[in-house]
Amino acid sequence: MISVAARHPDLVRAVASLDSPSNIPGWQKRFHSPFDHLITFDGPYREGVHRFLAAAYLPTDDPSWVGGLEERLAGIPDHMIVRAWDAMKAYEPSDTLRRMACPYLYVDSGQPDLDFDLLREHCPQVVVGKTVGAGHKALQDVPDQINAMLNRFIQHADGIAEEMVRTGGVFRYNFPAR
């Protein structure tokens, strides 16, 4: 969606990403690279994808989500797994984020070591929300948290984006001048 917003600013008023670390500059290089040798037609790509996806869950998540990965992956053809991986590892969002002018809500669900400062450098209007006690399937596990953030963002996207640009993403009190 950030690509559409960057290419067609007249069509997109705001963007929200739910646990989409591929929209964070540098994420692919840091977190895809350790699995690249596994996810090739010559490697154990299904095992590699399973290990990669399993890392996105927190101990508080529903264990059936992780346990059901094998079954869900079994329905995806081999060529789609490898080609999708290749496309994702080649994606770098920096230019897209720089061109995107609309308000942007990024909802993080516990992904480790994301460079939100770099995200804000490329997209100063971004606001970052975080879920509590839910990993990659936060929308299913804690929909109340996600929906509350989305509703508030939708109602106030322009004002929130202006405040993020004004403050560099750090809350500041607006004390009256003396």
N, C-alpha and C. Protein backbone atom coordinates (compact mmCIF):
# COMPACT_ATOMS: atom_id res chain seq x y z
N MET A 1 0.81 -1.19 0.00
CA MET A 1 0.00 0.00 0.00
C MET A 1 0.86 1.27 0.00
N ILE A 2 2.04 1.22 0.62
CA ILE A 2 2.87 2.42 0.61
C ILE A 2 3.29 2.76 -0.82
N SER A 3 3.44 1.76 -1.67
CA SER A 3 3.80 2.01 -3.07
C SER A 3 2.69 2.74 -3.80
N VAL A 4 1.46 2.36 -3.55
CA VAL A 4 0.32 3.04 -4.17
C VAL A 4 0.26 4.48 -3.67
N ALA A 5 0.45 4.68 -2.39
CA ALA A 5 0.41 6.03 -1.82
C ALA A 5 1.51 6.91 -2.39
N ALA A 6 2.68 6.35 -2.63
CA ALA A 6 3.79 7.13 -3.20
C ALA A 6 3.54 7.46 -4.67
N ARG A 7 2.98 6.52 -5.41
CA ARG A 7 2.74 6.73 -6.85
C ARG A 7 1.49 7.54 -7.14
N HIS A 8 0.50 7.46 -6.28
CA HIS A 8 -0.78 8.11 -6.53
C HIS A 8 -1.25 8.88 -5.30
N PRO A 9 -0.54 9.94 -4.94
CA PRO A 9 -0.89 10.67 -3.72
C PRO A 9 -2.30 11.27 -3.76
N ASP A 10 -2.84 11.46 -4.95
CA ASP A 10 -4.19 12.00 -5.08
C ASP A 10 -5.27 10.97 -4.75
N LEU A 11 -4.90 9.69 -4.70
CA LEU A 11 -5.87 8.63 -4.45
C LEU A 11 -5.83 8.08 -3.02
N VAL A 12 -4.75 8.35 -2.29
CA VAL A 12 -4.58 7.75 -0.96
C VAL A 12 -4.49 8.87 0.08
N ARG A 13 -5.40 8.85 1.06
CA ARG A 13 -5.39 9.89 2.09
C ARG A 13 -4.58 9.51 3.31
N ALA A 14 -4.44 8.20 3.58
CA ALA A 14 -3.67 7.72 4.72
C ALA A 14 -3.39 6.23 4.52
N VAL A 15 -2.33 5.74 5.19
CA VAL A 15 -1.95 4.33 5.09
C VAL A 15 -1.73 3.79 6.49
N ALA A 16 -2.20 2.57 6.72
CA ALA A 16 -1.90 1.85 7.96
C ALA A 16 -1.31 0.50 7.58
N SER A 17 -0.20 0.15 8.21
CA SER A 17 0.45 -1.15 8.00
C SER A 17 0.42 -1.92 9.31
N LEU A 18 -0.07 -3.15 9.26
CA LEU A 18 -0.12 -3.98 10.46
C LEU A 18 1.03 -4.97 10.43
N ASP A 19 1.99 -4.77 11.32
CA ASP A 19 3.13 -5.67 11.46
C ASP A 19 3.72 -6.02 10.09
N SER A 20 4.18 -4.99 9.39
CA SER A 20 4.75 -5.13 8.05
C SER A 20 6.21 -4.70 8.07
N PRO A 21 7.07 -5.48 8.69
CA PRO A 21 8.46 -5.04 8.83
C PRO A 21 9.18 -4.86 7.50
N SER A 22 8.65 -5.44 6.43
CA SER A 22 9.28 -5.22 5.13
C SER A 22 9.16 -3.77 4.69
N ASN A 23 8.32 -2.97 5.36
CA ASN A 23 8.23 -1.54 5.08
C ASN A 23 9.27 -0.73 5.85
N ILE A 24 10.09 -1.38 6.64
CA ILE A 24 11.14 -0.71 7.42
C ILE A 24 12.45 -0.83 6.65
N PRO A 25 13.08 0.30 6.30
CA PRO A 25 14.34 0.22 5.55
C PRO A 25 15.37 -0.67 6.27
N GLY A 26 16.02 -1.52 5.49
CA GLY A 26 17.07 -2.39 6.01
C GLY A 26 16.60 -3.70 6.59
N TRP A 27 15.29 -3.86 6.78
CA TRP A 27 14.78 -5.07 7.41
C TRP A 27 15.10 -6.32 6.61
N GLN A 28 14.90 -6.27 5.29
CA GLN A 28 15.15 -7.45 4.48
C GLN A 28 16.58 -7.93 4.61
N LYS A 29 17.50 -6.99 4.55
CA LYS A 29 18.92 -7.37 4.63
C LYS A 29 19.24 -8.02 5.97
N ARG A 30 18.71 -7.45 7.05
CA ARG A 30 19.02 -7.97 8.39
C ARG A 30 18.32 -9.28 8.70
N PHE A 31 17.06 -9.40 8.29
CA PHE A 31 16.27 -10.54 8.76
C PHE A 31 15.98 -11.59 7.69
N HIS A 32 16.06 -11.23 6.44
CA HIS A 32 15.92 -12.23 5.37
C HIS A 32 17.24 -12.94 5.12
N SER A 33 18.32 -12.19 5.13
CA SER A 33 19.64 -12.74 4.76
C SER A 33 19.99 -14.04 5.46
N PRO A 34 19.76 -14.19 6.77
CA PRO A 34 20.13 -15.45 7.43
C PRO A 34 19.38 -16.67 6.88
N PHE A 35 18.29 -16.45 6.16
CA PHE A 35 17.50 -17.57 5.63
C PHE A 35 17.66 -17.75 4.12
N ASP A 36 18.35 -16.81 3.47
CA ASP A 36 18.44 -16.85 2.00
C ASP A 36 19.03 -18.15 1.47
N HIS A 37 20.01 -18.70 2.17
CA HIS A 37 20.64 -19.94 1.68
C HIS A 37 19.70 -21.14 1.81
N LEU A 38 18.69 -21.03 2.64
CA LEU A 38 17.73 -22.13 2.82
C LEU A 38 16.58 -22.06 1.82
N ILE A 39 16.19 -20.83 1.49
CA ILE A 39 14.98 -20.67 0.68
C ILE A 39 15.38 -20.46 -0.78
N THR A 40 15.84 -21.53 -1.38
CA THR A 40 16.18 -21.62 -2.80
C THR A 40 15.63 -22.96 -3.29
N PHE A 41 15.56 -23.13 -4.60
CA PHE A 41 15.07 -24.41 -5.13
C PHE A 41 15.98 -25.56 -4.74
N ASP A 42 17.25 -25.25 -4.45
CA ASP A 42 18.20 -26.30 -4.04
C ASP A 42 18.22 -26.53 -2.54
N GLY A 43 17.62 -25.63 -1.79
CA GLY A 43 17.68 -25.73 -0.33
C GLY A 43 16.41 -26.30 0.27
N PRO A 44 16.40 -26.46 1.57
CA PRO A 44 15.19 -26.93 2.26
C PRO A 44 14.23 -25.76 2.49
N TYR A 45 13.67 -25.23 1.39
CA TYR A 45 12.94 -23.97 1.46
C TYR A 45 11.71 -24.01 2.36
N ARG A 46 11.00 -25.11 2.40
CA ARG A 46 9.83 -25.17 3.28
C ARG A 46 10.25 -25.10 4.75
N GLU A 47 11.32 -25.79 5.09
CA GLU A 47 11.84 -25.72 6.46
C GLU A 47 12.32 -24.30 6.76
N GLY A 48 12.99 -23.67 5.79
CA GLY A 48 13.47 -22.31 5.98
C GLY A 48 12.34 -21.32 6.20
N VAL A 49 11.27 -21.43 5.41
CA VAL A 49 10.13 -20.54 5.57
C VAL A 49 9.45 -20.78 6.92
N HIS A 50 9.34 -22.03 7.30
CA HIS A 50 8.74 -22.36 8.60
C HIS A 50 9.55 -21.73 9.73
N ARG A 51 10.86 -21.86 9.68
CA ARG A 51 11.71 -21.27 10.73
C ARG A 51 11.60 -19.76 10.74
N PHE A 52 11.57 -19.16 9.56
CA PHE A 52 11.45 -17.71 9.44
C PHE A 52 10.12 -17.23 10.04
N LEU A 53 9.02 -17.86 9.65
CA LEU A 53 7.71 -17.45 10.14
C LEU A 53 7.53 -17.73 11.62
N ALA A 54 8.05 -18.83 12.11
CA ALA A 54 7.92 -19.17 13.53
C ALA A 54 8.59 -18.13 14.42
N ALA A 55 9.61 -17.46 13.89
CA ALA A 55 10.33 -16.45 14.67
C ALA A 55 9.47 -15.20 14.90
N ALA A 56 8.38 -15.05 14.16
CA ALA A 56 7.54 -13.86 14.28
C ALA A 56 6.50 -13.96 15.39
N TYR A 57 6.50 -15.04 16.12
CA TYR A 57 5.50 -15.25 17.16
C TYR A 57 6.11 -15.03 18.54
N LEU A 58 5.27 -14.56 19.45
CA LEU A 58 5.69 -14.34 20.83
C LEU A 58 5.23 -15.51 21.69
N PRO A 59 5.84 -15.69 22.86
CA PRO A 59 5.41 -16.77 23.75
C PRO A 59 3.95 -16.66 24.19
N THR A 60 3.40 -15.45 24.14
CA THR A 60 2.01 -15.25 24.54
C THR A 60 1.01 -15.54 23.43
N ASP A 61 1.49 -15.80 22.22
CA ASP A 61 0.60 -16.07 21.09
C ASP A 61 -0.04 -17.44 21.20
N ASP A 62 -1.14 -17.60 20.51
CA ASP A 62 -1.84 -18.88 20.44
C ASP A 62 -0.92 -19.90 19.78
N PRO A 63 -0.54 -20.96 20.49
CA PRO A 63 0.40 -21.95 19.93
C PRO A 63 -0.13 -22.64 18.68
N SER A 64 -1.43 -22.63 18.47
CA SER A 64 -1.97 -23.28 17.27
C SER A 64 -1.58 -22.53 16.00
N TRP A 65 -1.30 -21.22 16.12
CA TRP A 65 -0.86 -20.48 14.93
C TRP A 65 0.47 -21.03 14.44
N VAL A 66 1.42 -21.18 15.35
CA VAL A 66 2.73 -21.72 14.96
C VAL A 66 2.59 -23.19 14.57
N GLY A 67 1.82 -23.93 15.35
CA GLY A 67 1.64 -25.35 15.07
C GLY A 67 0.98 -25.61 13.73
N GLY A 68 0.18 -24.69 13.26
CA GLY A 68 -0.51 -24.87 11.98
C GLY A 68 0.24 -24.39 10.77
N LEU A 69 1.47 -23.90 10.97
CA LEU A 69 2.25 -23.39 9.84
C LEU A 69 2.46 -24.45 8.76
N GLU A 70 2.83 -25.65 9.17
CA GLU A 70 3.11 -26.71 8.19
C GLU A 70 1.91 -26.94 7.28
N GLU A 71 0.75 -27.04 7.89
CA GLU A 71 -0.47 -27.30 7.12
C GLU A 71 -0.76 -26.15 6.15
N ARG A 72 -0.62 -24.91 6.62
CA ARG A 72 -0.88 -23.76 5.75
C ARG A 72 0.15 -23.68 4.63
N LEU A 73 1.41 -23.94 4.93
CA LEU A 73 2.45 -23.91 3.91
C LEU A 73 2.27 -25.02 2.87
N ALA A 74 1.72 -26.14 3.28
CA ALA A 74 1.53 -27.27 2.36
C ALA A 74 0.63 -26.90 1.18
N GLY A 75 -0.24 -25.95 1.37
CA GLY A 75 -1.14 -25.54 0.30
C GLY A 75 -0.54 -24.56 -0.70
N ILE A 76 0.69 -24.15 -0.48
CA ILE A 76 1.35 -23.19 -1.36
C ILE A 76 2.32 -23.94 -2.27
N PRO A 77 2.20 -23.77 -3.59
CA PRO A 77 3.12 -24.45 -4.50
C PRO A 77 4.57 -24.03 -4.26
N ASP A 78 5.49 -24.96 -4.49
CA ASP A 78 6.92 -24.72 -4.26
C ASP A 78 7.43 -23.47 -4.97
N HIS A 79 7.11 -23.34 -6.25
CA HIS A 79 7.64 -22.20 -7.01
C HIS A 79 7.16 -20.87 -6.43
N MET A 80 5.96 -20.83 -5.87
CA MET A 80 5.46 -19.59 -5.29
C MET A 80 6.23 -19.22 -4.03
N ILE A 81 6.59 -20.20 -3.23
CA ILE A 81 7.35 -19.93 -2.01
C ILE A 81 8.69 -19.30 -2.36
N VAL A 82 9.42 -19.92 -3.26
CA VAL A 82 10.77 -19.44 -3.59
C VAL A 82 10.70 -18.10 -4.31
N ARG A 83 9.80 -17.95 -5.27
CA ARG A 83 9.70 -16.68 -6.02
C ARG A 83 9.23 -15.53 -5.11
N ALA A 84 8.30 -15.81 -4.22
CA ALA A 84 7.85 -14.77 -3.29
C ALA A 84 8.99 -14.34 -2.38
N TRP A 85 9.78 -15.30 -1.92
CA TRP A 85 10.93 -14.99 -1.08
C TRP A 85 11.92 -14.11 -1.84
N ASP A 86 12.21 -14.48 -3.08
CA ASP A 86 13.14 -13.70 -3.90
C ASP A 86 12.64 -12.27 -4.08
N ALA A 87 11.35 -12.10 -4.31
CA ALA A 87 10.79 -10.76 -4.48
C ALA A 87 10.87 -9.96 -3.19
N MET A 88 10.58 -10.60 -2.06
CA MET A 88 10.63 -9.89 -0.78
C MET A 88 12.05 -9.48 -0.42
N LYS A 89 13.02 -10.36 -0.66
CA LYS A 89 14.39 -9.99 -0.27
C LYS A 89 14.95 -8.89 -1.16
N ALA A 90 14.39 -8.71 -2.35
CA ALA A 90 14.86 -7.66 -3.25
C ALA A 90 14.20 -6.31 -2.96
N TYR A 91 13.15 -6.31 -2.16
CA TYR A 91 12.39 -5.08 -1.91
C TYR A 91 13.11 -4.19 -0.91
N GLU A 92 13.24 -2.92 -1.26
CA GLU A 92 13.82 -1.92 -0.37
C GLU A 92 12.89 -0.70 -0.39
N PRO A 93 12.25 -0.38 0.72
CA PRO A 93 11.20 0.64 0.74
C PRO A 93 11.65 2.10 0.87
N SER A 94 12.94 2.37 0.98
CA SER A 94 13.40 3.72 1.30
C SER A 94 12.87 4.79 0.34
N ASP A 95 13.04 4.60 -0.96
CA ASP A 95 12.57 5.60 -1.93
C ASP A 95 11.06 5.78 -1.87
N THR A 96 10.35 4.68 -1.72
CA THR A 96 8.89 4.73 -1.64
C THR A 96 8.47 5.54 -0.42
N LEU A 97 9.09 5.30 0.72
CA LEU A 97 8.74 6.03 1.94
C LEU A 97 9.04 7.52 1.79
N ARG A 98 10.13 7.87 1.13
CA ARG A 98 10.47 9.28 0.94
C ARG A 98 9.41 9.99 0.08
N ARG A 99 8.88 9.28 -0.90
CA ARG A 99 7.89 9.88 -1.81
C ARG A 99 6.48 9.91 -1.22
N MET A 100 6.22 9.10 -0.23
CA MET A 100 4.88 9.04 0.36
C MET A 100 4.64 10.27 1.23
N ALA A 101 3.57 11.00 0.94
CA ALA A 101 3.30 12.24 1.66
C ALA A 101 2.14 12.14 2.64
N CYS A 102 1.34 11.11 2.53
CA CYS A 102 0.14 11.01 3.38
C CYS A 102 0.50 10.51 4.78
N PRO A 103 -0.42 10.68 5.73
CA PRO A 103 -0.22 10.13 7.07
C PRO A 103 -0.03 8.61 7.02
N TYR A 104 0.83 8.11 7.90
CA TYR A 104 1.17 6.69 7.89
C TYR A 104 1.20 6.16 9.32
N LEU A 105 0.38 5.15 9.59
CA LEU A 105 0.39 4.44 10.88
C LEU A 105 1.06 3.10 10.67
N TYR A 106 2.13 2.86 11.41
CA TYR A 106 2.78 1.56 11.40
C TYR A 106 2.49 0.90 12.74
N VAL A 107 1.79 -0.24 12.72
CA VAL A 107 1.48 -0.96 13.96
C VAL A 107 2.46 -2.11 14.10
N ASP A 108 3.31 -2.02 15.11
CA ASP A 108 4.32 -3.04 15.38
C ASP A 108 3.75 -4.07 16.36
N SER A 109 4.06 -5.32 16.08
CA SER A 109 3.58 -6.39 16.96
C SER A 109 4.72 -7.17 17.58
N GLY A 110 5.75 -6.46 17.98
CA GLY A 110 6.83 -7.10 18.71
C GLY A 110 8.01 -7.58 17.90
N GLN A 111 8.08 -7.19 16.62
CA GLN A 111 9.25 -7.58 15.83
C GLN A 111 10.50 -6.97 16.48
N PRO A 112 11.54 -7.75 16.66
CA PRO A 112 12.74 -7.22 17.34
C PRO A 112 13.59 -6.34 16.43
N ASP A 113 14.23 -5.39 17.05
CA ASP A 113 15.28 -4.59 16.40
C ASP A 113 14.86 -3.88 15.12
N LEU A 114 13.65 -3.35 15.08
CA LEU A 114 13.25 -2.57 13.91
C LEU A 114 13.80 -1.15 14.07
N ASP A 115 14.28 -0.58 13.00
CA ASP A 115 14.90 0.74 13.04
C ASP A 115 13.84 1.82 12.76
N PHE A 116 13.08 2.16 13.79
CA PHE A 116 12.03 3.15 13.62
C PHE A 116 12.61 4.55 13.40
N ASP A 117 13.81 4.81 13.89
CA ASP A 117 14.43 6.10 13.62
C ASP A 117 14.71 6.25 12.13
N LEU A 118 15.17 5.19 11.49
CA LEU A 118 15.41 5.23 10.05
C LEU A 118 14.09 5.35 9.29
N LEU A 119 13.08 4.65 9.75
CA LEU A 119 11.75 4.78 9.13
C LEU A 119 11.30 6.24 9.20
N ARG A 120 11.44 6.86 10.37
CA ARG A 120 11.02 8.25 10.55
C ARG A 120 11.88 9.20 9.72
N GLU A 121 13.14 8.87 9.53
CA GLU A 121 14.02 9.70 8.69
C GLU A 121 13.49 9.74 7.25
N HIS A 122 13.02 8.62 6.76
CA HIS A 122 12.50 8.54 5.39
C HIS A 122 11.05 9.01 5.30
N CYS A 123 10.31 8.90 6.38
CA CYS A 123 8.87 9.19 6.38
C CYS A 123 8.51 9.90 7.69
N PRO A 124 8.79 11.20 7.78
CA PRO A 124 8.63 11.91 9.06
C PRO A 124 7.21 11.96 9.59
N GLN A 125 6.23 11.71 8.76
CA GLN A 125 4.83 11.77 9.21
C GLN A 125 4.34 10.45 9.80
N VAL A 126 5.22 9.46 9.90
CA VAL A 126 4.81 8.16 10.43
C VAL A 126 4.56 8.23 11.94
N VAL A 127 3.54 7.51 12.38
CA VAL A 127 3.30 7.31 13.80
C VAL A 127 3.35 5.80 14.02
N VAL A 128 4.04 5.39 15.07
CA VAL A 128 4.21 3.97 15.35
C VAL A 128 3.37 3.59 16.56
N GLY A 129 2.52 2.60 16.37
CA GLY A 129 1.74 2.03 17.46
C GLY A 129 2.29 0.64 17.76
N LYS A 130 2.07 0.16 18.97
CA LYS A 130 2.57 -1.16 19.36
C LYS A 130 1.47 -1.93 20.07
N THR A 131 1.36 -3.21 19.69
CA THR A 131 0.43 -4.07 20.42
C THR A 131 1.14 -4.64 21.64
N VAL A 132 0.36 -5.09 22.59
CA VAL A 132 0.90 -5.68 23.81
C VAL A 132 0.45 -7.13 23.89
N GLY A 133 1.42 -8.02 24.05
CA GLY A 133 1.12 -9.43 24.27
C GLY A 133 0.65 -10.20 23.05
N ALA A 134 0.97 -9.71 21.86
CA ALA A 134 0.58 -10.42 20.64
C ALA A 134 1.66 -10.23 19.59
N GLY A 135 1.94 -11.27 18.85
CA GLY A 135 2.95 -11.22 17.79
C GLY A 135 2.32 -10.97 16.43
N HIS A 136 2.81 -11.69 15.42
CA HIS A 136 2.45 -11.44 14.04
C HIS A 136 0.94 -11.57 13.77
N LYS A 137 0.24 -12.36 14.50
CA LYS A 137 -1.20 -12.53 14.31
C LYS A 137 -2.00 -11.65 15.27
N ALA A 138 -1.51 -10.47 15.54
CA ALA A 138 -2.14 -9.57 16.50
C ALA A 138 -3.58 -9.24 16.13
N LEU A 139 -3.86 -9.12 14.85
CA LEU A 139 -5.23 -8.79 14.45
C LEU A 139 -6.21 -9.87 14.89
N GLN A 140 -5.77 -11.12 14.88
CA GLN A 140 -6.62 -12.21 15.35
C GLN A 140 -6.61 -12.33 16.88
N ASP A 141 -5.46 -12.08 17.49
CA ASP A 141 -5.32 -12.29 18.93
C ASP A 141 -5.79 -11.11 19.78
N VAL A 142 -5.55 -9.90 19.33
CA VAL A 142 -5.93 -8.71 20.10
C VAL A 142 -6.60 -7.67 19.18
N PRO A 143 -7.71 -8.04 18.55
CA PRO A 143 -8.36 -7.11 17.61
C PRO A 143 -8.79 -5.81 18.27
N ASP A 144 -9.09 -5.85 19.57
CA ASP A 144 -9.49 -4.62 20.26
C ASP A 144 -8.36 -3.59 20.24
N GLN A 145 -7.11 -4.04 20.43
CA GLN A 145 -5.98 -3.11 20.39
C GLN A 145 -5.80 -2.53 18.98
N ILE A 146 -5.84 -3.40 17.98
CA ILE A 146 -5.64 -2.96 16.59
C ILE A 146 -6.77 -2.01 16.18
N ASN A 147 -8.00 -2.40 16.43
CA ASN A 147 -9.14 -1.58 16.01
C ASN A 147 -9.14 -0.22 16.69
N ALA A 148 -8.76 -0.16 17.95
CA ALA A 148 -8.70 1.13 18.65
C ALA A 148 -7.67 2.05 17.99
N MET A 149 -6.50 1.51 17.67
CA MET A 149 -5.48 2.33 17.00
C MET A 149 -5.94 2.78 15.62
N LEU A 150 -6.51 1.86 14.85
CA LEU A 150 -6.98 2.21 13.51
C LEU A 150 -8.08 3.26 13.56
N ASN A 151 -9.04 3.10 14.45
CA ASN A 151 -10.14 4.07 14.56
C ASN A 151 -9.62 5.45 14.91
N ARG A 152 -8.74 5.52 15.87
CA ARG A 152 -8.19 6.82 16.29
C ARG A 152 -7.39 7.46 15.15
N PHE A 153 -6.58 6.65 14.48
CA PHE A 153 -5.78 7.15 13.37
C PHE A 153 -6.67 7.65 12.23
N ILE A 154 -7.68 6.89 11.88
CA ILE A 154 -8.58 7.29 10.79
C ILE A 154 -9.26 8.62 11.12
N GLN A 155 -9.68 8.79 12.36
CA GLN A 155 -10.37 10.02 12.77
C GLN A 155 -9.45 11.23 12.77
N HIS A 156 -8.16 11.03 13.03
CA HIS A 156 -7.25 12.16 13.25
C HIS A 156 -5.95 12.06 12.45
N ALA A 157 -5.96 11.39 11.32
CA ALA A 157 -4.72 11.10 10.58
C ALA A 157 -3.91 12.35 10.26
N ASP A 158 -4.55 13.38 9.73
CA ASP A 158 -3.80 14.57 9.34
C ASP A 158 -3.16 15.26 10.54
N GLY A 159 -3.91 15.42 11.62
CA GLY A 159 -3.36 16.06 12.82
C GLY A 159 -2.24 15.24 13.45
N ILE A 160 -2.41 13.93 13.47
CA ILE A 160 -1.37 13.05 14.02
C ILE A 160 -0.10 13.16 13.18
N ALA A 161 -0.24 13.15 11.86
CA ALA A 161 0.93 13.25 10.97
C ALA A 161 1.64 14.58 11.17
N GLU A 162 0.89 15.67 11.28
CA GLU A 162 1.50 16.98 11.52
C GLU A 162 2.28 16.99 12.82
N GLU A 163 1.72 16.38 13.86
CA GLU A 163 2.40 16.33 15.16
C GLU A 163 3.67 15.49 15.09
N MET A 164 3.65 14.41 14.33
CA MET A 164 4.85 13.57 14.18
C MET A 164 5.96 14.35 13.49
N VAL A 165 5.61 15.11 12.47
CA VAL A 165 6.60 15.93 11.77
C VAL A 165 7.12 17.01 12.70
N ARG A 166 6.21 17.67 13.43
CA ARG A 166 6.60 18.77 14.34
C ARG A 166 7.53 18.30 15.45
N THR A 167 7.25 17.11 16.00
CA THR A 167 7.99 16.66 17.18
C THR A 167 9.07 15.62 16.88
N GLY A 168 9.19 15.22 15.63
CA GLY A 168 10.14 14.15 15.32
C GLY A 168 9.69 12.82 15.89
N GLY A 169 8.39 12.68 16.12
CA GLY A 169 7.84 11.42 16.61
C GLY A 169 7.94 11.23 18.11
N VAL A 170 8.39 12.25 18.82
CA VAL A 170 8.53 12.15 20.28
C VAL A 170 7.51 13.09 20.91
N PHE A 171 6.66 12.53 21.77
CA PHE A 171 5.63 13.34 22.41
C PHE A 171 6.27 14.48 23.19
N ARG A 172 5.70 15.67 23.01
CA ARG A 172 6.16 16.83 23.76
C ARG A 172 4.93 17.58 24.26
N TYR A 173 5.01 18.02 25.50
CA TYR A 173 3.94 18.84 26.05
C TYR A 173 3.92 20.18 25.33
N ASN A 174 2.74 20.72 25.18
CA ASN A 174 2.59 22.05 24.57
C ASN A 174 2.32 23.06 25.68
N PHE A 175 3.35 23.41 26.43
CA PHE A 175 3.20 24.37 27.51
C PHE A 175 3.01 25.77 26.93
N PRO A 176 2.21 26.58 27.60
CA PRO A 176 2.02 27.95 27.11
C PRO A 176 3.31 28.75 27.28
N ALA A 177 3.49 29.70 26.38
CA ALA A 177 4.66 30.59 26.46
C ALA A 177 4.50 31.51 27.66
N ARG A 178 5.62 31.86 28.27
CA ARG A 178 5.56 32.76 29.44
C ARG A 178 5.75 34.18 29.03
